[in-house]
């Protein structure tokens, strides 16, 4: 860090602005590629209520771990396909929680080192109903760390990808094709639209 910490903060905010702009562009690309409209999004690591000065700093940095939700219901009623893309900017907390279940998200010194952590997208898709969402909550840590999985009732699948695999449009398309194939193999029709 430089002799002027506020200079580093200014640089960090500008970097985050550019980074989050690129993430939003990627989410629009996913929406267009799968032709499933964006529905809503939620922070997954922080609160989502009204801003309050008693909230933690994480509540003011809500894209640290964020879920973008898409739904085919907005375009056509059948088949009902639900898609979520989870942006996990730092897996360090979840990796540390496997070793220490009592770790607090406010104790950053206990997180796995940034060099050992990952930044990734976790794609989850389901059909017919969104009740499979509860399974993610129950298996929260495993969901963030497993490379892939599916619910017992076969209504939902998920697969994770390192974010660096989405740096170019061609790279992103390869990953989206891979997830589409994974969904189709599990009888969830998330397909790439022909342009």
C-alpha atoms as a PDB file:
ATOM      1  CA  UNK A   1       0.000   0.000   0.000  1.00  0.00           C
ATOM      2  CA  UNK A   2       1.227   3.492  -0.734  1.00  0.00           C
ATOM      3  CA  UNK A   3       1.967   6.225   1.797  1.00  0.00           C
ATOM      4  CA  UNK A   4      -1.466   7.642   0.995  1.00  0.00           C
ATOM      5  CA  UNK A   5      -4.156   5.061   1.871  1.00  0.00           C
ATOM      6  CA  UNK A   6      -6.939   7.317   0.546  1.00  0.00           C
ATOM      7  CA  UNK A   7      -5.255   7.318  -2.862  1.00  0.00           C
ATOM      8  CA  UNK A   8      -5.432   3.502  -2.808  1.00  0.00           C
ATOM      9  CA  UNK A   9      -9.116   3.687  -1.851  1.00  0.00           C
ATOM     10  CA  UNK A  10      -9.833   6.003  -4.800  1.00  0.00           C
ATOM     11  CA  UNK A  11      -8.034   3.603  -7.136  1.00  0.00           C
ATOM     12  CA  UNK A  12      -9.947   0.644  -5.656  1.00  0.00           C
ATOM     13  CA  UNK A  13     -13.340   2.293  -6.197  1.00  0.00           C
ATOM     14  CA  UNK A  14     -12.504   3.115  -9.815  1.00  0.00           C
ATOM     15  CA  UNK A  15     -11.290  -0.420 -10.381  1.00  0.00           C
ATOM     16  CA  UNK A  16     -14.501  -1.804  -8.844  1.00  0.00           C
ATOM     17  CA  UNK A  17     -16.621   0.439 -11.051  1.00  0.00           C
ATOM     18  CA  UNK A  18     -14.897  -0.849 -14.195  1.00  0.00           C
ATOM     19  CA  UNK A  19     -15.043  -4.441 -12.964  1.00  0.00           C
ATOM     20  CA  UNK A  20     -18.741  -4.333 -12.039  1.00  0.00           C
ATOM     21  CA  UNK A  21     -19.567  -2.679 -15.366  1.00  0.00           C
ATOM     22  CA  UNK A  22     -17.953  -5.642 -17.120  1.00  0.00           C
ATOM     23  CA  UNK A  23     -19.857  -8.081 -14.899  1.00  0.00           C
ATOM     24  CA  UNK A  24     -23.171  -6.409 -15.793  1.00  0.00           C
ATOM     25  CA  UNK A  25     -22.262  -6.608 -19.486  1.00  0.00           C
ATOM     26  CA  UNK A  26     -21.536 -10.320 -19.025  1.00  0.00           C
ATOM     27  CA  UNK A  27     -24.923 -10.857 -17.337  1.00  0.00           C
ATOM     28  CA  UNK A  28     -26.625  -9.146 -20.307  1.00  0.00           C
ATOM     29  CA  UNK A  29     -24.670 -11.410 -22.664  1.00  0.00           C
ATOM     30  CA  UNK A  30     -25.870 -14.482 -20.732  1.00  0.00           C
ATOM     31  CA  UNK A  31     -29.463 -13.206 -20.914  1.00  0.00           C
ATOM     32  CA  UNK A  32     -29.211 -12.728 -24.701  1.00  0.00           C
ATOM     33  CA  UNK A  33     -27.371 -15.992 -25.349  1.00  0.00           C
ATOM     34  CA  UNK A  34     -29.863 -18.173 -23.471  1.00  0.00           C
ATOM     35  CA  UNK A  35     -32.831 -15.923 -24.324  1.00  0.00           C
ATOM     36  CA  UNK A  36     -34.035 -16.095 -20.726  1.00  0.00           C
ATOM     37  CA  UNK A  37     -34.937 -12.643 -19.355  1.00  0.00           C
ATOM     38  CA  UNK A  38     -33.226 -11.249 -16.279  1.00  0.00           C
ATOM     39  CA  UNK A  39     -35.709 -11.157 -13.426  1.00  0.00           C
ATOM     40  CA  UNK A  40     -34.003  -9.848 -10.279  1.00  0.00           C
ATOM     41  CA  UNK A  41     -30.855 -10.128  -8.202  1.00  0.00           C
ATOM     42  CA  UNK A  42     -29.893 -10.430  -4.562  1.00  0.00           C
ATOM     43  CA  UNK A  43     -26.739 -10.168  -2.474  1.00  0.00           C
ATOM     44  CA  UNK A  44     -25.915 -13.525  -0.880  1.00  0.00           C
ATOM     45  CA  UNK A  45     -23.244 -12.527   1.641  1.00  0.00           C
ATOM     46  CA  UNK A  46     -24.795  -9.376   3.002  1.00  0.00           C
ATOM     47  CA  UNK A  47     -28.108  -7.916   4.037  1.00  0.00           C
ATOM     48  CA  UNK A  48     -30.513  -6.600   1.463  1.00  0.00           C
ATOM     49  CA  UNK A  49     -32.781  -4.450   3.557  1.00  0.00           C
ATOM     50  CA  UNK A  50     -32.752  -0.700   3.880  1.00  0.00           C
ATOM     51  CA  UNK A  51     -29.399   0.955   4.383  1.00  0.00           C
ATOM     52  CA  UNK A  52     -28.692   1.543   8.017  1.00  0.00           C
ATOM     53  CA  UNK A  53     -25.585   2.798   9.796  1.00  0.00           C
ATOM     54  CA  UNK A  54     -25.682  -0.255  12.051  1.00  0.00           C
ATOM     55  CA  UNK A  55     -25.306  -2.545   9.011  1.00  0.00           C
ATOM     56  CA  UNK A  56     -21.928  -4.146   8.446  1.00  0.00           C
ATOM     57  CA  UNK A  57     -19.533  -3.014   5.735  1.00  0.00           C
ATOM     58  CA  UNK A  58     -20.469  -6.148   3.770  1.00  0.00           C
ATOM     59  CA  UNK A  59     -24.002  -4.762   3.437  1.00  0.00           C
ATOM     60  CA  UNK A  60     -22.517  -1.837   1.542  1.00  0.00           C
ATOM     61  CA  UNK A  61     -20.404  -4.107  -0.693  1.00  0.00           C
ATOM     62  CA  UNK A  62     -23.173  -6.381  -1.869  1.00  0.00           C
ATOM     63  CA  UNK A  63     -21.609  -7.661  -5.109  1.00  0.00           C
ATOM     64  CA  UNK A  64     -19.003  -9.584  -3.108  1.00  0.00           C
ATOM     65  CA  UNK A  65     -21.303 -12.608  -3.577  1.00  0.00           C
ATOM     66  CA  UNK A  66     -24.364 -11.873  -5.706  1.00  0.00           C
ATOM     67  CA  UNK A  67     -27.100 -13.893  -7.420  1.00  0.00           C
ATOM     68  CA  UNK A  68     -28.534 -12.827 -10.779  1.00  0.00           C
ATOM     69  CA  UNK A  69     -31.871 -14.571 -11.470  1.00  0.00           C
ATOM     70  CA  UNK A  70     -33.445 -15.190 -14.877  1.00  0.00           C
ATOM     71  CA  UNK A  71     -36.840 -16.690 -15.687  1.00  0.00           C
ATOM     72  CA  UNK A  72     -38.386 -17.949 -18.930  1.00  0.00           C
ATOM     73  CA  UNK A  73     -41.832 -17.179 -17.463  1.00  0.00           C
ATOM     74  CA  UNK A  74     -41.301 -13.541 -18.385  1.00  0.00           C
ATOM     75  CA  UNK A  75     -41.194 -14.496 -22.076  1.00  0.00           C
ATOM     76  CA  UNK A  76     -43.188 -17.696 -22.473  1.00  0.00           C
ATOM     77  CA  UNK A  77     -45.110 -19.724 -19.900  1.00  0.00           C
ATOM     78  CA  UNK A  78     -43.879 -23.224 -20.839  1.00  0.00           C
ATOM     79  CA  UNK A  79     -41.562 -24.855 -20.167  1.00  0.00           C
ATOM     80  CA  UNK A  80     -40.723 -22.952 -17.019  1.00  0.00           C
ATOM     81  CA  UNK A  81     -36.957 -22.603 -16.882  1.00  0.00           C
ATOM     82  CA  UNK A  82     -35.169 -20.807 -14.069  1.00  0.00           C
ATOM     83  CA  UNK A  83     -31.549 -19.788 -14.323  1.00  0.00           C
ATOM     84  CA  UNK A  84     -29.354 -18.178 -11.703  1.00  0.00           C
ATOM     85  CA  UNK A  85     -25.787 -17.000 -12.050  1.00  0.00           C
ATOM     86  CA  UNK A  86     -23.934 -16.497  -8.790  1.00  0.00           C
ATOM     87  CA  UNK A  87     -20.967 -14.168  -8.849  1.00  0.00           C
ATOM     88  CA  UNK A  88     -18.601 -15.258  -6.078  1.00  0.00           C
ATOM     89  CA  UNK A  89     -15.759 -12.763  -6.044  1.00  0.00           C
ATOM     90  CA  UNK A  90     -13.806 -14.463  -3.267  1.00  0.00           C
ATOM     91  CA  UNK A  91     -14.169 -18.081  -2.173  1.00  0.00           C
ATOM     92  CA  UNK A  92     -11.811 -17.513   0.775  1.00  0.00           C
ATOM     93  CA  UNK A  93     -14.511 -17.345   3.445  1.00  0.00           C
ATOM     94  CA  UNK A  94     -16.209 -20.549   2.268  1.00  0.00           C
ATOM     95  CA  UNK A  95     -12.928 -22.451   1.980  1.00  0.00           C
ATOM     96  CA  UNK A  96     -12.037 -21.403   5.522  1.00  0.00           C
ATOM     97  CA  UNK A  97     -15.511 -22.348   6.799  1.00  0.00           C
ATOM     98  CA  UNK A  98     -14.923 -25.968   5.769  1.00  0.00           C
ATOM     99  CA  UNK A  99     -12.017 -26.032   8.229  1.00  0.00           C
ATOM    100  CA  UNK A 100     -13.657 -23.868  10.922  1.00  0.00           C
ATOM    101  CA  UNK A 101     -17.454 -23.901  11.000  1.00  0.00           C
ATOM    102  CA  UNK A 102     -17.514 -21.064  13.553  1.00  0.00           C
ATOM    103  CA  UNK A 103     -15.593 -18.566  11.432  1.00  0.00           C
ATOM    104  CA  UNK A 104     -17.192 -15.144  11.272  1.00  0.00           C
ATOM    105  CA  UNK A 105     -17.516 -13.328   7.964  1.00  0.00           C
ATOM    106  CA  UNK A 106     -16.248 -10.253   9.798  1.00  0.00           C
ATOM    107  CA  UNK A 107     -12.896 -11.873  10.668  1.00  0.00           C
ATOM    108  CA  UNK A 108     -11.077 -11.445   7.353  1.00  0.00           C
ATOM    109  CA  UNK A 109      -7.779 -12.634   8.804  1.00  0.00           C
ATOM    110  CA  UNK A 110      -9.273 -16.151   9.076  1.00  0.00           C
ATOM    111  CA  UNK A 111     -10.263 -16.334   5.389  1.00  0.00           C
ATOM    112  CA  UNK A 112      -8.090 -18.401   3.066  1.00  0.00           C
ATOM    113  CA  UNK A 113      -5.467 -16.169   1.477  1.00  0.00           C
ATOM    114  CA  UNK A 114      -6.543 -14.326  -1.696  1.00  0.00           C
ATOM    115  CA  UNK A 115      -3.841 -16.228  -3.601  1.00  0.00           C
ATOM    116  CA  UNK A 116      -5.502 -19.534  -2.622  1.00  0.00           C
ATOM    117  CA  UNK A 117      -9.065 -18.359  -3.259  1.00  0.00           C
ATOM    118  CA  UNK A 118     -11.082 -18.180  -6.464  1.00  0.00           C
ATOM    119  CA  UNK A 119     -13.353 -15.781  -8.271  1.00  0.00           C
ATOM    120  CA  UNK A 120     -16.042 -17.686 -10.094  1.00  0.00           C
ATOM    121  CA  UNK A 121     -19.499 -17.906 -11.555  1.00  0.00           C
ATOM    122  CA  UNK A 122     -21.830 -20.644 -10.369  1.00  0.00           C
ATOM    123  CA  UNK A 123     -24.624 -21.400 -12.829  1.00  0.00           C
ATOM    124  CA  UNK A 124     -27.779 -23.017 -11.451  1.00  0.00           C
ATOM    125  CA  UNK A 125     -30.740 -24.053 -13.583  1.00  0.00           C
ATOM    126  CA  UNK A 126     -34.063 -25.619 -12.765  1.00  0.00           C
ATOM    127  CA  UNK A 127     -37.334 -26.480 -14.406  1.00  0.00           C
ATOM    128  CA  UNK A 128     -41.007 -26.331 -13.507  1.00  0.00           C
ATOM    129  CA  UNK A 129     -40.630 -24.812 -10.046  1.00  0.00           C
ATOM    130  CA  UNK A 130     -38.208 -22.768  -8.015  1.00  0.00           C
ATOM    131  CA  UNK A 131     -38.540 -24.797  -4.804  1.00  0.00           C
ATOM    132  CA  UNK A 132     -35.095 -26.323  -5.438  1.00  0.00           C
ATOM    133  CA  UNK A 133     -33.769 -22.992  -4.213  1.00  0.00           C
ATOM    134  CA  UNK A 134     -34.045 -24.231  -0.625  1.00  0.00           C
ATOM    135  CA  UNK A 135     -31.513 -26.969  -1.403  1.00  0.00           C
ATOM    136  CA  UNK A 136     -28.896 -24.326  -2.178  1.00  0.00           C
ATOM    137  CA  UNK A 137     -29.504 -22.646   1.176  1.00  0.00           C
ATOM    138  CA  UNK A 138     -29.180 -25.955   3.019  1.00  0.00           C
ATOM    139  CA  UNK A 139     -25.957 -26.886   1.188  1.00  0.00           C
ATOM    140  CA  UNK A 140     -24.599 -23.341   0.999  1.00  0.00           C
ATOM    141  CA  UNK A 141     -20.930 -24.076   1.586  1.00  0.00           C
ATOM    142  CA  UNK A 142     -20.856 -27.149  -0.646  1.00  0.00           C
ATOM    143  CA  UNK A 143     -22.702 -25.232  -3.346  1.00  0.00           C
ATOM    144  CA  UNK A 144     -19.984 -22.585  -3.400  1.00  0.00           C
ATOM    145  CA  UNK A 145     -17.110 -25.090  -3.480  1.00  0.00           C
ATOM    146  CA  UNK A 146     -18.301 -28.083  -5.535  1.00  0.00           C
ATOM    147  CA  UNK A 147     -17.608 -27.990  -9.257  1.00  0.00           C
ATOM    148  CA  UNK A 148     -21.056 -29.339 -10.077  1.00  0.00           C
ATOM    149  CA  UNK A 149     -24.098 -30.974  -8.573  1.00  0.00           C
ATOM    150  CA  UNK A 150     -27.812 -31.599  -8.816  1.00  0.00           C
ATOM    151  CA  UNK A 151     -30.785 -31.871  -6.524  1.00  0.00           C
ATOM    152  CA  UNK A 152     -32.174 -35.240  -5.489  1.00  0.00           C
ATOM    153  CA  UNK A 153     -35.426 -34.600  -7.344  1.00  0.00           C
ATOM    154  CA  UNK A 154     -33.531 -33.724 -10.574  1.00  0.00           C
ATOM    155  CA  UNK A 155     -35.293 -30.364 -10.827  1.00  0.00           C
ATOM    156  CA  UNK A 156     -32.040 -28.430 -10.494  1.00  0.00           C
ATOM    157  CA  UNK A 157     -28.377 -28.580 -11.527  1.00  0.00           C
ATOM    158  CA  UNK A 158     -25.410 -26.337 -10.903  1.00  0.00           C
ATOM    159  CA  UNK A 159     -21.904 -25.990 -12.250  1.00  0.00           C
ATOM    160  CA  UNK A 160     -19.119 -23.533 -11.438  1.00  0.00           C
ATOM    161  CA  UNK A 161     -16.593 -21.861 -13.710  1.00  0.00           C
ATOM    162  CA  UNK A 162     -13.586 -19.661 -12.997  1.00  0.00           C
ATOM    163  CA  UNK A 163     -14.479 -16.112 -13.969  1.00  0.00           C
ATOM    164  CA  UNK A 164     -11.317 -15.788 -16.047  1.00  0.00           C
ATOM    165  CA  UNK A 165     -12.919 -18.208 -18.545  1.00  0.00           C
ATOM    166  CA  UNK A 166     -15.363 -15.400 -19.450  1.00  0.00           C
ATOM    167  CA  UNK A 167     -12.866 -12.655 -20.305  1.00  0.00           C
ATOM    168  CA  UNK A 168     -13.647 -12.698 -24.042  1.00  0.00           C
ATOM    169  CA  UNK A 169     -16.936 -13.262 -25.849  1.00  0.00           C
ATOM    170  CA  UNK A 170     -15.600 -16.434 -27.503  1.00  0.00           C
ATOM    171  CA  UNK A 171     -14.399 -17.838 -24.173  1.00  0.00           C
ATOM    172  CA  UNK A 172     -17.725 -16.979 -22.553  1.00  0.00           C
ATOM    173  CA  UNK A 173     -19.658 -18.667 -25.326  1.00  0.00           C
ATOM    174  CA  UNK A 174     -17.657 -21.880 -24.873  1.00  0.00           C
ATOM    175  CA  UNK A 175     -18.569 -21.960 -21.165  1.00  0.00           C
ATOM    176  CA  UNK A 176     -22.230 -21.178 -21.886  1.00  0.00           C
ATOM    177  CA  UNK A 177     -22.308 -24.023 -24.416  1.00  0.00           C
ATOM    178  CA  UNK A 178     -20.790 -26.326 -21.814  1.00  0.00           C
ATOM    179  CA  UNK A 179     -23.438 -25.406 -19.236  1.00  0.00           C
ATOM    180  CA  UNK A 180     -26.188 -25.780 -21.837  1.00  0.00           C
ATOM    181  CA  UNK A 181     -24.932 -29.306 -22.607  1.00  0.00           C
ATOM    182  CA  UNK A 182     -24.807 -30.123 -18.883  1.00  0.00           C
ATOM    183  CA  UNK A 183     -28.408 -28.922 -18.464  1.00  0.00           C
ATOM    184  CA  UNK A 184     -29.665 -30.802 -21.520  1.00  0.00           C
ATOM    185  CA  UNK A 185     -28.057 -34.031 -20.269  1.00  0.00           C
ATOM    186  CA  UNK A 186     -30.107 -33.547 -17.095  1.00  0.00           C
ATOM    187  CA  UNK A 187     -33.366 -32.838 -18.962  1.00  0.00           C
ATOM    188  CA  UNK A 188     -33.338 -29.098 -18.267  1.00  0.00           C
ATOM    189  CA  UNK A 189     -33.668 -27.294 -21.618  1.00  0.00           C
ATOM    190  CA  UNK A 190     -31.319 -24.348 -21.228  1.00  0.00           C
ATOM    191  CA  UNK A 191     -30.324 -23.833 -24.836  1.00  0.00           C
ATOM    192  CA  UNK A 192     -28.341 -21.317 -26.823  1.00  0.00           C
ATOM    193  CA  UNK A 193     -30.497 -19.244 -29.106  1.00  0.00           C
ATOM    194  CA  UNK A 194     -29.556 -19.116 -32.783  1.00  0.00           C
ATOM    195  CA  UNK A 195     -29.061 -15.528 -33.816  1.00  0.00           C
END
